[in-house]
Amino acid sequence: MWYSVSTFAVAQRDQHSVKEPLWEEQIFLVDAESENDAKHKAELLAQRDECEYTVRNGSSLTWRFNCVSKVYKLPDEDIRDGVEIFSRFLKDSEAKSLLNPIE
């Protein structure tokens, strides 16, 4: 069965949380036997992207896996061009926040 799994990672500077941290949402397409298996696979996929690097001002920035947000079983097991793999309903403020570019 195919699942769409949403995960979140959060950035930290110099091992400390900042006042307004930067978050990343990743959505993975996962082939799994159950919702729990899909969640576990997505956790592993998201954790492989954890990293640390130095930014321009010399401080270090660390991306860490935070959580699996949502797991959706896809209704169509025949994955093909044009198949919808994720949708959600948003409040007006949520949509505007997502459409606002990060500076």
PDB file of N, CA and C in Angstrom:
ATOM      1  N   MET A   1       0.841  -1.178   0.000  1.00  0.00           N
ATOM      2  CA  MET A   1       0.000   0.000   0.000  1.00  0.00           C
ATOM      3  C   MET A   1       0.882   1.236   0.000  1.00  0.00           C
ATOM      4  N   TRP A   2       0.385   2.262  -0.649  1.00  0.00           N
ATOM      5  CA  TRP A   2       1.121   3.522  -0.717  1.00  0.00           C
ATOM      6  C   TRP A   2       0.574   4.515   0.296  1.00  0.00           C
ATOM      7  N   TYR A   3       1.501   5.262   0.905  1.00  0.00           N
ATOM      8  CA  TYR A   3       1.156   6.272   1.899  1.00  0.00           C
ATOM      9  C   TYR A   3       1.901   7.565   1.586  1.00  0.00           C
ATOM     10  N   SER A   4       1.265   8.671   1.902  1.00  0.00           N
ATOM     11  CA  SER A   4       1.894   9.979   1.893  1.00  0.00           C
ATOM     12  C   SER A   4       2.126  10.339   3.357  1.00  0.00           C
ATOM     13  N   VAL A   5       3.388  10.628   3.699  1.00  0.00           N
ATOM     14  CA  VAL A   5       3.721  10.877   5.102  1.00  0.00           C
ATOM     15  C   VAL A   5       4.407  12.236   5.226  1.00  0.00           C
ATOM     16  N   SER A   6       3.828  13.085   6.070  1.00  0.00           N
ATOM     17  CA  SER A   6       4.348  14.427   6.314  1.00  0.00           C
ATOM     18  C   SER A   6       5.210  14.411   7.573  1.00  0.00           C
ATOM     19  N   THR A   7       6.434  14.938   7.453  1.00  0.00           N
ATOM     20  CA  THR A   7       7.338  15.024   8.599  1.00  0.00           C
ATOM     21  C   THR A   7       7.780  16.473   8.792  1.00  0.00           C
ATOM     22  N   PHE A   8       8.235  16.779  10.007  1.00  0.00           N
ATOM     23  CA  PHE A   8       8.756  18.106  10.312  1.00  0.00           C
ATOM     24  C   PHE A   8      10.155  18.004  10.889  1.00  0.00           C
ATOM     25  N   ALA A   9      10.996  18.939  10.466  1.00  0.00           N
ATOM     26  CA  ALA A   9      12.337  19.115  11.029  1.00  0.00           C
ATOM     27  C   ALA A   9      12.428  20.565  11.483  1.00  0.00           C
ATOM     28  N   VAL A  10      13.297  20.805  12.449  1.00  0.00           N
ATOM     29  CA  VAL A  10      13.471  22.159  12.972  1.00  0.00           C
ATOM     30  C   VAL A  10      14.959  22.497  13.009  1.00  0.00           C
ATOM     31  N   ALA A  11      15.276  23.760  12.729  1.00  0.00           N
ATOM     32  CA  ALA A  11      16.659  24.224  12.722  1.00  0.00           C
ATOM     33  C   ALA A  11      17.008  24.842  14.075  1.00  0.00           C
ATOM     34  N   GLN A  12      18.214  24.552  14.531  1.00  0.00           N
ATOM     35  CA  GLN A  12      18.735  25.150  15.753  1.00  0.00           C
ATOM     36  C   GLN A  12      20.097  25.759  15.445  1.00  0.00           C
ATOM     37  N   ARG A  13      20.379  26.882  16.092  1.00  0.00           N
ATOM     38  CA  ARG A  13      21.692  27.519  15.924  1.00  0.00           C
ATOM     39  C   ARG A  13      22.544  27.253  17.157  1.00  0.00           C
ATOM     40  N   ASP A  14      23.754  26.827  16.938  1.00  0.00           N
ATOM     41  CA  ASP A  14      24.722  26.605  18.013  1.00  0.00           C
ATOM     42  C   ASP A  14      24.123  25.817  19.178  1.00  0.00           C
ATOM     43  N   GLN A  15      23.351  24.772  18.858  1.00  0.00           N
ATOM     44  CA  GLN A  15      22.755  23.869  19.851  1.00  0.00           C
ATOM     45  C   GLN A  15      21.721  24.535  20.752  1.00  0.00           C
ATOM     46  N   HIS A  16      21.244  25.730  20.396  1.00  0.00           N
ATOM     47  CA  HIS A  16      20.217  26.415  21.168  1.00  0.00           C
ATOM     48  C   HIS A  16      19.043  26.754  20.248  1.00  0.00           C
ATOM     49  N   SER A  17      17.871  26.702  20.796  1.00  0.00           N
ATOM     50  CA  SER A  17      16.697  27.105  20.022  1.00  0.00           C
ATOM     51  C   SER A  17      16.698  28.619  19.860  1.00  0.00           C
ATOM     52  N   VAL A  18      16.266  29.083  18.720  1.00  0.00           N
ATOM     53  CA  VAL A  18      16.157  30.518  18.495  1.00  0.00           C
ATOM     54  C   VAL A  18      14.729  30.956  18.792  1.00  0.00           C
ATOM     55  N   LYS A  19      14.522  32.270  18.923  1.00  0.00           N
ATOM     56  CA  LYS A  19      13.198  32.789  19.271  1.00  0.00           C
ATOM     57  C   LYS A  19      12.132  32.325  18.284  1.00  0.00           C
ATOM     58  N   GLU A  20      12.431  32.407  17.006  1.00  0.00           N
ATOM     59  CA  GLU A  20      11.491  31.989  15.976  1.00  0.00           C
ATOM     60  C   GLU A  20      12.205  30.994  15.054  1.00  0.00           C
ATOM     61  N   PRO A  21      12.165  29.719  15.421  1.00  0.00           N
ATOM     62  CA  PRO A  21      12.921  28.728  14.644  1.00  0.00           C
ATOM     63  C   PRO A  21      12.354  28.539  13.236  1.00  0.00           C
ATOM     64  N   LEU A  22      13.193  28.064  12.366  1.00  0.00           N
ATOM     65  CA  LEU A  22      12.806  27.736  11.002  1.00  0.00           C
ATOM     66  C   LEU A  22      12.450  26.254  10.958  1.00  0.00           C
ATOM     67  N   TRP A  23      11.318  25.929  10.327  1.00  0.00           N
ATOM     68  CA  TRP A  23      10.838  24.566  10.229  1.00  0.00           C
ATOM     69  C   TRP A  23      10.823  24.127   8.775  1.00  0.00           C
ATOM     70  N   GLU A  24      10.982  22.840   8.554  1.00  0.00           N
ATOM     71  CA  GLU A  24      10.853  22.273   7.220  1.00  0.00           C
ATOM     72  C   GLU A  24       9.847  21.132   7.274  1.00  0.00           C
ATOM     73  N   GLU A  25       8.870  21.179   6.370  1.00  0.00           N
ATOM     74  CA  GLU A  25       7.937  20.066   6.216  1.00  0.00           C
ATOM     75  C   GLU A  25       8.371  19.286   4.983  1.00  0.00           C
ATOM     76  N   GLN A  26       8.513  17.984   5.134  1.00  0.00           N
ATOM     77  CA  GLN A  26       8.819  17.103   4.019  1.00  0.00           C
ATOM     78  C   GLN A  26       7.675  16.114   3.876  1.00  0.00           C
ATOM     79  N   ILE A  27       7.309  15.809   2.639  1.00  0.00           N
ATOM     80  CA  ILE A  27       6.263  14.828   2.379  1.00  0.00           C
ATOM     81  C   ILE A  27       6.877  13.705   1.563  1.00  0.00           C
ATOM     82  N   PHE A  28       6.822  12.500   2.134  1.00  0.00           N
ATOM     83  CA  PHE A  28       7.411  11.331   1.504  1.00  0.00           C
ATOM     84  C   PHE A  28       6.328  10.413   0.955  1.00  0.00           C
ATOM     85  N   LEU A  29       6.600   9.801  -0.178  1.00  0.00           N
ATOM     86  CA  LEU A  29       5.770   8.745  -0.729  1.00  0.00           C
ATOM     87  C   LEU A  29       6.392   7.436  -0.276  1.00  0.00           C
ATOM     88  N   VAL A  30       5.611   6.630   0.463  1.00  0.00           N
ATOM     89  CA  VAL A  30       6.160   5.432   1.104  1.00  0.00           C
ATOM     90  C   VAL A  30       5.317   4.215   0.738  1.00  0.00           C
ATOM     91  N   ASP A  31       5.978   3.131   0.367  1.00  0.00           N
ATOM     92  CA  ASP A  31       5.321   1.847   0.127  1.00  0.00           C
ATOM     93  C   ASP A  31       5.495   1.023   1.400  1.00  0.00           C
ATOM     94  N   ALA A  32       4.367   0.704   2.077  1.00  0.00           N
ATOM     95  CA  ALA A  32       4.448   0.015   3.366  1.00  0.00           C
ATOM     96  C   ALA A  32       3.245  -0.904   3.549  1.00  0.00           C
ATOM     97  N   GLU A  33       3.383  -1.836   4.499  1.00  0.00           N
ATOM     98  CA  GLU A  33       2.316  -2.797   4.791  1.00  0.00           C
ATOM     99  C   GLU A  33       1.217  -2.208   5.673  1.00  0.00           C
ATOM    100  N   SER A  34       1.557  -1.187   6.470  1.00  0.00           N
ATOM    101  CA  SER A  34       0.588  -0.608   7.389  1.00  0.00           C
ATOM    102  C   SER A  34       0.928   0.861   7.636  1.00  0.00           C
ATOM    103  N   GLU A  35       0.013   1.553   8.296  1.00  0.00           N
ATOM    104  CA  GLU A  35       0.254   2.951   8.648  1.00  0.00           C
ATOM    105  C   GLU A  35       1.461   3.081   9.569  1.00  0.00           C
ATOM    106  N   ASN A  36       1.595   2.167  10.526  1.00  0.00           N
ATOM    107  CA  ASN A  36       2.752   2.208  11.440  1.00  0.00           C
ATOM    108  C   ASN A  36       4.061   1.988  10.696  1.00  0.00           C
ATOM    109  N   ASP A  37       4.064   1.046   9.740  1.00  0.00           N
ATOM    110  CA  ASP A  37       5.269   0.815   8.936  1.00  0.00           C
ATOM    111  C   ASP A  37       5.611   2.059   8.115  1.00  0.00           C
ATOM    112  N   ALA A  38       4.594   2.700   7.548  1.00  0.00           N
ATOM    113  CA  ALA A  38       4.815   3.909   6.757  1.00  0.00           C
ATOM    114  C   ALA A  38       5.411   5.019   7.626  1.00  0.00           C
ATOM    115  N   LYS A  39       4.879   5.165   8.831  1.00  0.00           N
ATOM    116  CA  LYS A  39       5.393   6.178   9.761  1.00  0.00           C
ATOM    117  C   LYS A  39       6.859   5.905  10.091  1.00  0.00           C
ATOM    118  N   HIS A  40       7.173   4.658  10.379  1.00  0.00           N
ATOM    119  CA  HIS A  40       8.546   4.295  10.723  1.00  0.00           C
ATOM    120  C   HIS A  40       9.494   4.555   9.538  1.00  0.00           C
ATOM    121  N   LYS A  41       9.080   4.165   8.341  1.00  0.00           N
ATOM    122  CA  LYS A  41       9.920   4.400   7.165  1.00  0.00           C
ATOM    123  C   LYS A  41      10.166   5.895   6.961  1.00  0.00           C
ATOM    124  N   ALA A  42       9.114   6.698   7.119  1.00  0.00           N
ATOM    125  CA  ALA A  42       9.263   8.146   6.926  1.00  0.00           C
ATOM    126  C   ALA A  42      10.176   8.758   7.990  1.00  0.00           C
ATOM    127  N   GLU A  43      10.095   8.263   9.217  1.00  0.00           N
ATOM    128  CA  GLU A  43      10.997   8.745  10.266  1.00  0.00           C
ATOM    129  C   GLU A  43      12.449   8.510   9.857  1.00  0.00           C
ATOM    130  N   LEU A  44      12.737   7.317   9.355  1.00  0.00           N
ATOM    131  CA  LEU A  44      14.098   7.000   8.920  1.00  0.00           C
ATOM    132  C   LEU A  44      14.528   7.879   7.747  1.00  0.00           C
ATOM    133  N   LEU A  45      13.621   8.105   6.795  1.00  0.00           N
ATOM    134  CA  LEU A  45      13.938   8.963   5.656  1.00  0.00           C
ATOM    135  C   LEU A  45      14.221  10.393   6.105  1.00  0.00           C
ATOM    136  N   ALA A  46      13.418  10.908   7.011  1.00  0.00           N
ATOM    137  CA  ALA A  46      13.612  12.274   7.496  1.00  0.00           C
ATOM    138  C   ALA A  46      14.894  12.393   8.317  1.00  0.00           C
ATOM    139  N   GLN A  47      15.191  11.385   9.110  1.00  0.00           N
ATOM    140  CA  GLN A  47      16.396  11.426   9.942  1.00  0.00           C
ATOM    141  C   GLN A  47      17.668  11.399   9.103  1.00  0.00           C
ATOM    142  N   ARG A  48      17.617  10.798   7.933  1.00  0.00           N
ATOM    143  CA  ARG A  48      18.825  10.757   7.083  1.00  0.00           C
ATOM    144  C   ARG A  48      19.182  12.146   6.569  1.00  0.00           C
ATOM    145  N   ASP A  49      18.212  13.067   6.590  1.00  0.00           N
ATOM    146  CA  ASP A  49      18.463  14.437   6.138  1.00  0.00           C
ATOM    147  C   ASP A  49      18.951  15.356   7.248  1.00  0.00           C
ATOM    148  N   GLU A  50      19.082  14.838   8.469  1.00  0.00           N
ATOM    149  CA  GLU A  50      19.613  15.668   9.550  1.00  0.00           C
ATOM    150  C   GLU A  50      21.047  16.061   9.201  1.00  0.00           C
ATOM    151  N   CYS A  51      21.382  17.309   9.479  1.00  0.00           N
ATOM    152  CA  CYS A  51      22.732  17.764   9.137  1.00  0.00           C
ATOM    153  C   CYS A  51      23.092  18.989   9.976  1.00  0.00           C
ATOM    154  N   GLU A  52      24.364  19.331   9.912  1.00  0.00           N
ATOM    155  CA  GLU A  52      24.870  20.528  10.581  1.00  0.00           C
ATOM    156  C   GLU A  52      25.853  21.198   9.643  1.00  0.00           C
ATOM    157  N   TYR A  53      25.789  22.518   9.579  1.00  0.00           N
ATOM    158  CA  TYR A  53      26.725  23.259   8.750  1.00  0.00           C
ATOM    159  C   TYR A  53      26.924  24.659   9.316  1.00  0.00           C
ATOM    160  N   THR A  54      27.959  25.337   8.837  1.00  0.00           N
ATOM    161  CA  THR A  54      28.290  26.690   9.288  1.00  0.00           C
ATOM    162  C   THR A  54      27.668  27.697   8.330  1.00  0.00           C
ATOM    163  N   VAL A  55      26.993  28.686   8.893  1.00  0.00           N
ATOM    164  CA  VAL A  55      26.377  29.741   8.078  1.00  0.00           C
ATOM    165  C   VAL A  55      27.326  30.927   7.961  1.00  0.00           C
ATOM    166  N   ARG A  56      26.932  31.914   7.171  1.00  0.00           N
ATOM    167  CA  ARG A  56      27.821  33.042   6.859  1.00  0.00           C
ATOM    168  C   ARG A  56      28.418  33.746   8.066  1.00  0.00           C
ATOM    169  N   ASN A  57      27.635  33.902   9.134  1.00  0.00           N
ATOM    170  CA  ASN A  57      28.154  34.640  10.296  1.00  0.00           C
ATOM    171  C   ASN A  57      29.045  33.779  11.193  1.00  0.00           C
ATOM    172  N   GLY A  58      29.288  32.533  10.796  1.00  0.00           N
ATOM    173  CA  GLY A  58      30.180  31.661  11.550  1.00  0.00           C
ATOM    174  C   GLY A  58      29.489  30.760  12.550  1.00  0.00           C
ATOM    175  N   SER A  59      28.209  30.962  12.800  1.00  0.00           N
ATOM    176  CA  SER A  59      27.509  30.086  13.738  1.00  0.00           C
ATOM    177  C   SER A  59      27.112  28.791  13.037  1.00  0.00           C
ATOM    178  N   SER A  60      26.854  27.767  13.829  1.00  0.00           N
ATOM    179  CA  SER A  60      26.454  26.493  13.229  1.00  0.00           C
ATOM    180  C   SER A  60      24.937  26.374  13.233  1.00  0.00           C
ATOM    181  N   LEU A  61      24.418  25.763  12.193  1.00  0.00           N
ATOM    182  CA  LEU A  61      22.996  25.523  12.041  1.00  0.00           C
ATOM    183  C   LEU A  61      22.791  24.023  11.949  1.00  0.00           C
ATOM    184  N   THR A  62      21.898  23.498  12.771  1.00  0.00           N
ATOM    185  CA  THR A  62      21.642  22.063  12.828  1.00  0.00           C
ATOM    186  C   THR A  62      20.181  21.797  12.511  1.00  0.00           C
ATOM    187  N   TRP A  63      19.942  20.919  11.542  1.00  0.00           N
ATOM    188  CA  TRP A  63      18.584  20.481  11.212  1.00  0.00           C
ATOM    189  C   TRP A  63      18.357  19.138  11.871  1.00  0.00           C
ATOM    190  N   ARG A  64      17.264  19.037  12.654  1.00  0.00           N
ATOM    191  CA  ARG A  64      16.929  17.807  13.362  1.00  0.00           C
ATOM    192  C   ARG A  64      15.490  17.404  13.079  1.00  0.00           C
ATOM    193  N   PHE A  65      15.292  16.118  12.886  1.00  0.00           N
ATOM    194  CA  PHE A  65      13.949  15.562  12.740  1.00  0.00           C
ATOM    195  C   PHE A  65      13.165  15.867  14.004  1.00  0.00           C
ATOM    196  N   ASN A  66      11.908  16.288  13.844  1.00  0.00           N
ATOM    197  CA  ASN A  66      11.068  16.597  14.993  1.00  0.00           C
ATOM    198  C   ASN A  66       9.944  15.590  15.168  1.00  0.00           C
ATOM    199  N   CYS A  67       9.161  15.349  14.101  1.00  0.00           N
ATOM    200  CA  CYS A  67       8.021  14.447  14.251  1.00  0.00           C
ATOM    201  C   CYS A  67       7.427  14.067  12.901  1.00  0.00           C
ATOM    202  N   VAL A  68       6.623  13.031  12.924  1.00  0.00           N
ATOM    203  CA  VAL A  68       5.736  12.718  11.807  1.00  0.00           C
ATOM    204  C   VAL A  68       4.430  13.419  12.111  1.00  0.00           C
ATOM    205  N   SER A  69       3.981  14.225  11.182  1.00  0.00           N
ATOM    206  CA  SER A  69       2.766  15.001  11.389  1.00  0.00           C
ATOM    207  C   SER A  69       1.508  14.236  10.987  1.00  0.00           C
ATOM    208  N   LYS A  70       1.530  13.697   9.781  1.00  0.00           N
ATOM    209  CA  LYS A  70       0.346  13.020   9.262  1.00  0.00           C
ATOM    210  C   LYS A  70       0.748  11.846   8.379  1.00  0.00           C
ATOM    211  N   VAL A  71      -0.088  10.817   8.389  1.00  0.00           N
ATOM    212  CA  VAL A  71       0.094   9.663   7.511  1.00  0.00           C
ATOM    213  C   VAL A  71      -1.225   9.467   6.774  1.00  0.00           C
ATOM    214  N   TYR A  72      -1.170   9.489   5.438  1.00  0.00           N
ATOM    215  CA  TYR A  72      -2.370   9.304   4.625  1.00  0.00           C
ATOM    216  C   TYR A  72      -2.211   8.072   3.747  1.00  0.00           C
ATOM    217  N   LYS A  73      -3.160   7.159   3.833  1.00  0.00           N
ATOM    218  CA  LYS A  73      -3.179   6.027   2.912  1.00  0.00           C
ATOM    219  C   LYS A  73      -3.705   6.542   1.588  1.00  0.00           C
ATOM    220  N   LEU A  74      -3.003   6.253   0.521  1.00  0.00           N
ATOM    221  CA  LEU A  74      -3.430   6.719  -0.785  1.00  0.00           C
ATOM    222  C   LEU A  74      -4.508   5.789  -1.327  1.00  0.00           C
ATOM    223  N   PRO A  75      -5.582   6.354  -1.829  1.00  0.00           N
ATOM    224  CA  PRO A  75      -6.692   5.518  -2.285  1.00  0.00           C
ATOM    225  C   PRO A  75      -6.388   4.738  -3.560  1.00  0.00           C
ATOM    226  N   ASP A  76      -5.419   5.201  -4.321  1.00  0.00           N
ATOM    227  CA  ASP A  76      -5.113   4.555  -5.591  1.00  0.00           C
ATOM    228  C   ASP A  76      -3.760   3.859  -5.481  1.00  0.00           C
ATOM    229  N   GLU A  77      -3.760   2.531  -5.468  1.00  0.00           N
ATOM    230  CA  GLU A  77      -2.503   1.799  -5.362  1.00  0.00           C
ATOM    231  C   GLU A  77      -1.729   1.800  -6.670  1.00  0.00           C
ATOM    232  N   ASP A  78      -2.372   2.161  -7.763  1.00  0.00           N
ATOM    233  CA  ASP A  78      -1.711   2.224  -9.059  1.00  0.00           C
ATOM    234  C   ASP A  78      -1.106   3.612  -9.232  1.00  0.00           C
ATOM    235  N   ILE A  79       0.103   3.800  -8.723  1.00  0.00           N
ATOM    236  CA  ILE A  79       0.756   5.102  -8.799  1.00  0.00           C
ATOM    237  C   ILE A  79       1.126   5.373 -10.251  1.00  0.00           C
ATOM    238  N   ARG A  80       0.644   6.523 -10.750  1.00  0.00           N
ATOM    239  CA  ARG A  80       0.886   6.891 -12.140  1.00  0.00           C
ATOM    240  C   ARG A  80       0.915   8.421 -12.239  1.00  0.00           C
ATOM    241  N   ASP A  81       1.234   8.917 -13.392  1.00  0.00           N
ATOM    242  CA  ASP A  81       1.294  10.347 -13.638  1.00  0.00           C
ATOM    243  C   ASP A  81      -0.038  11.007 -13.294  1.00  0.00           C
ATOM    244  N   GLY A  82       0.019  12.049 -12.494  1.00  0.00           N
ATOM    245  CA  GLY A  82      -1.163  12.826 -12.173  1.00  0.00           C
ATOM    246  C   GLY A  82      -1.943  12.384 -10.957  1.00  0.00           C
ATOM    247  N   VAL A  83      -1.504  11.311 -10.277  1.00  0.00           N
ATOM    248  CA  VAL A  83      -2.212  10.846  -9.086  1.00  0.00           C
ATOM    249  C   VAL A  83      -1.973  11.837  -7.948  1.00  0.00           C
ATOM    250  N   GLU A  84      -3.053  12.248  -7.293  1.00  0.00           N
ATOM    251  CA  GLU A  84      -2.933  13.154  -6.149  1.00  0.00           C
ATOM    252  C   GLU A  84      -2.387  12.365  -4.967  1.00  0.00           C
ATOM    253  N   ILE A  85      -1.315  12.856  -4.362  1.00  0.00           N
ATOM    254  CA  ILE A  85      -0.745  12.140  -3.217  1.00  0.00           C
ATOM    255  C   ILE A  85      -0.936  12.874  -1.902  1.00  0.00           C
ATOM    256  N   PHE A  86      -1.391  14.129  -1.954  1.00  0.00           N
ATOM    257  CA  PHE A  86      -1.574  14.856  -0.706  1.00  0.00           C
ATOM    258  C   PHE A  86      -2.522  16.019  -0.944  1.00  0.00           C
ATOM    259  N   SER A  87      -3.430  16.228  -0.006  1.00  0.00           N
ATOM    260  CA  SER A  87      -4.248  17.429   0.006  1.00  0.00           C
ATOM    261  C   SER A  87      -4.684  17.671   1.438  1.00  0.00           C
ATOM    262  N   ARG A  88      -4.996  18.906   1.747  1.00  0.00           N
ATOM    263  CA  ARG A  88      -5.492  19.232   3.077  1.00  0.00           C
ATOM    264  C   ARG A  88      -6.281  20.523   2.998  1.00  0.00           C
ATOM    265  N   PHE A  89      -7.162  20.710   3.954  1.00  0.00           N
ATOM    266  CA  PHE A  89      -7.931  21.935   4.050  1.00  0.00           C
ATOM    267  C   PHE A  89      -7.199  22.881   4.989  1.00  0.00           C
ATOM    268  N   LEU A  90      -7.174  24.160   4.625  1.00  0.00           N
ATOM    269  CA  LEU A  90      -6.457  25.161   5.398  1.00  0.00           C
ATOM    270  C   LEU A  90      -7.369  26.317   5.757  1.00  0.00           C
ATOM    271  N   LYS A  91      -7.139  26.884   6.934  1.00  0.00           N
ATOM    272  CA  LYS A  91      -7.774  28.140   7.295  1.00  0.00           C
ATOM    273  C   LYS A  91      -7.112  29.238   6.465  1.00  0.00           C
ATOM    274  N   ASP A  92      -7.795  30.366   6.309  1.00  0.00           N
ATOM    275  CA  ASP A  92      -7.256  31.473   5.532  1.00  0.00           C
ATOM    276  C   ASP A  92      -5.874  31.887   6.042  1.00  0.00           C
ATOM    277  N   SER A  93      -5.716  31.992   7.360  1.00  0.00           N
ATOM    278  CA  SER A  93      -4.433  32.420   7.929  1.00  0.00           C
ATOM    279  C   SER A  93      -3.329  31.396   7.647  1.00  0.00           C
ATOM    280  N   GLU A  94      -3.667  30.113   7.643  1.00  0.00           N
ATOM    281  CA  GLU A  94      -2.679  29.070   7.351  1.00  0.00           C
ATOM    282  C   GLU A  94      -2.213  29.165   5.899  1.00  0.00           C
ATOM    283  N   ALA A  95      -3.162  29.336   4.979  1.00  0.00           N
ATOM    284  CA  ALA A  95      -2.813  29.446   3.559  1.00  0.00           C
ATOM    285  C   ALA A  95      -1.933  30.665   3.316  1.00  0.00           C
ATOM    286  N   LYS A  96      -2.306  31.799   3.912  1.00  0.00           N
ATOM    287  CA  LYS A  96      -1.514  33.009   3.732  1.00  0.00           C
ATOM    288  C   LYS A  96      -0.112  32.846   4.294  1.00  0.00           C
ATOM    289  N   SER A  97      -0.002  32.148   5.411  1.00  0.00           N
ATOM    290  CA  SER A  97       1.313  31.893   6.000  1.00  0.00           C
ATOM    291  C   SER A  97       2.163  31.016   5.081  1.00  0.00           C
ATOM    292  N   LEU A  98       1.561  29.997   4.499  1.00  0.00           N
ATOM    293  CA  LEU A  98       2.291  29.106   3.596  1.00  0.00           C
ATOM    294  C   LEU A  98       2.684  29.802   2.303  1.00  0.00           C
ATOM    295  N   LEU A  99       1.887  30.753   1.859  1.00  0.00           N
ATOM    296  CA  LEU A  99       2.165  31.475   0.621  1.00  0.00           C
ATOM    297  C   LEU A  99       3.152  32.624   0.812  1.00  0.00           C
ATOM    298  N   ASN A 100       3.410  33.004   2.061  1.00  0.00           N
ATOM    299  CA  ASN A 100       4.334  34.089   2.359  1.00  0.00           C
ATOM    300  C   ASN A 100       5.758  33.560   2.288  1.00  0.00           C
ATOM    301  N   PRO A 101       6.599  34.109   1.391  1.00  0.00           N
ATOM    302  CA  PRO A 101       7.969  33.586   1.261  1.00  0.00           C
ATOM    303  C   PRO A 101       8.804  33.843   2.527  1.00  0.00           C
ATOM    304  N   ILE A 102       9.702  32.934   2.801  1.00  0.00           N
ATOM    305  CA  ILE A 102      10.626  33.090   3.936  1.00  0.00           C
ATOM    306  C   ILE A 102      11.756  34.006   3.502  1.00  0.00           C
ATOM    307  N   GLU A 103      12.043  34.978   4.325  1.00  0.00           N
ATOM    308  CA  GLU A 103      13.115  35.941   3.975  1.00  0.00           C
ATOM    309  C   GLU A 103      14.415  35.541   4.593  1.00  0.00           C
TER     310      GLU A 103
END
